[in-house]
Amino acid sequence: MRDRVTVHDWMIRVAATYGRVLVERAEGLGHAEPGEYLLIYRRDSVWASWGIGCGIDGYVLWESIRGATVGIFPTLHTALAEIIA
């Protein structure tokens, strides 16, 4: 539930000016599970600029444009904080 609140808060504060967020998750789960991910789009962009995946070791942030992993973070909040607008 904490992750859902974190994403919602981030979407209100940042994504409203940045773009949109697409959440892919398993049906019926109230918390992040390995394999779930977020795709973050810049305004008016067809392709996601950033992705955050829930892994066994933490949240993996990658930059889609460069095809590069930025890092693995202990919380979703810290991964979202690394996104450069």
Protein backbone atom coordinates (compact mmCIF):
# COMPACT_ATOMS: atom_id res chain seq x y z
CA MET A 1 0.00 0.00 0.00
CA ARG A 2 2.89 2.35 0.80
CA ASP A 3 4.16 2.02 -2.80
CA ARG A 4 0.74 2.88 -4.22
CA VAL A 5 0.58 6.03 -2.05
CA THR A 6 4.14 6.96 -3.08
CA VAL A 7 3.28 6.67 -6.79
CA HIS A 8 0.04 8.61 -6.33
CA ASP A 9 1.84 11.40 -4.44
CA TRP A 10 4.60 11.55 -7.08
CA MET A 11 2.05 11.66 -9.88
CA ILE A 12 0.27 14.62 -8.26
CA ARG A 13 3.47 16.57 -7.51
CA VAL A 14 5.73 15.76 -10.45
CA ALA A 15 4.04 13.80 -13.19
CA ALA A 16 1.34 16.46 -13.58
CA THR A 17 3.99 18.70 -15.13
CA TYR A 18 6.28 15.94 -16.41
CA GLY A 19 3.88 13.62 -18.18
CA ARG A 20 2.03 10.43 -17.33
CA VAL A 21 2.69 7.24 -15.41
CA LEU A 22 1.52 3.77 -16.40
CA VAL A 23 1.47 1.13 -13.68
CA GLU A 24 1.65 -2.53 -14.71
CA ARG A 25 0.81 -4.83 -11.83
CA ALA A 26 -0.58 -8.23 -11.07
CA GLU A 27 -4.33 -8.19 -10.49
CA GLY A 28 -5.54 -8.29 -6.92
CA LEU A 29 -2.23 -7.40 -5.26
CA GLY A 30 -2.13 -4.42 -2.95
CA HIS A 31 1.66 -4.15 -2.93
CA ALA A 32 4.53 -4.33 -5.38
CA GLU A 33 5.74 -7.78 -6.31
CA PRO A 34 8.82 -8.79 -8.30
CA GLY A 35 8.06 -8.28 -11.97
CA GLU A 36 5.74 -5.30 -11.56
CA TYR A 37 6.84 -1.99 -13.04
CA LEU A 38 6.08 1.66 -13.74
CA LEU A 39 6.55 3.36 -17.08
CA ILE A 40 6.99 7.13 -16.97
CA TYR A 41 6.31 9.20 -20.08
CA ARG A 42 7.29 12.78 -20.83
CA ARG A 43 4.37 14.96 -21.89
CA ASP A 44 3.25 14.20 -25.48
CA SER A 45 5.74 11.33 -25.82
CA VAL A 46 4.77 7.98 -27.32
CA TRP A 47 7.67 6.09 -25.69
CA ALA A 48 8.40 5.83 -21.98
CA SER A 49 11.41 7.86 -20.84
CA TRP A 50 11.91 6.00 -17.56
CA GLY A 51 10.97 2.67 -16.05
CA ILE A 52 11.03 1.33 -12.52
CA GLY A 53 10.77 -2.39 -11.95
CA CYS A 54 10.18 -4.16 -8.68
CA GLY A 55 12.92 -6.74 -8.25
CA ILE A 56 13.96 -9.11 -5.50
CA ASP A 57 16.83 -6.80 -4.44
CA GLY A 58 14.88 -3.53 -4.66
CA TYR A 59 13.54 -1.11 -7.26
CA VAL A 60 15.45 -1.01 -10.54
CA LEU A 61 15.39 2.37 -12.28
CA TRP A 62 16.31 2.53 -15.95
CA GLU A 63 16.44 5.30 -18.53
CA SER A 64 14.74 4.06 -21.66
CA ILE A 65 16.33 6.55 -24.05
CA ARG A 66 19.86 5.35 -23.24
CA GLY A 67 18.82 1.80 -22.47
CA ALA A 68 20.78 2.10 -19.24
CA THR A 69 20.10 0.99 -15.70
CA VAL A 70 20.52 3.93 -13.33
CA GLY A 71 20.60 1.82 -10.18
CA ILE A 72 18.81 -0.39 -7.69
CA PHE A 73 17.13 1.43 -4.81
CA PRO A 74 15.72 0.18 -1.50
CA THR A 75 12.41 2.03 -1.84
CA LEU A 76 10.19 3.25 -4.63
CA HIS A 77 10.47 6.77 -3.21
CA THR A 78 14.27 6.83 -3.63
CA ALA A 79 14.01 5.47 -7.18
CA LEU A 80 11.45 8.13 -8.16
CA ALA A 81 13.67 10.83 -6.63
CA GLU A 82 16.45 9.92 -9.11
CA ILE A 83 14.35 10.73 -12.17
CA ILE A 84 15.63 13.79 -13.98
CA ALA A 85 12.89 15.96 -15.45
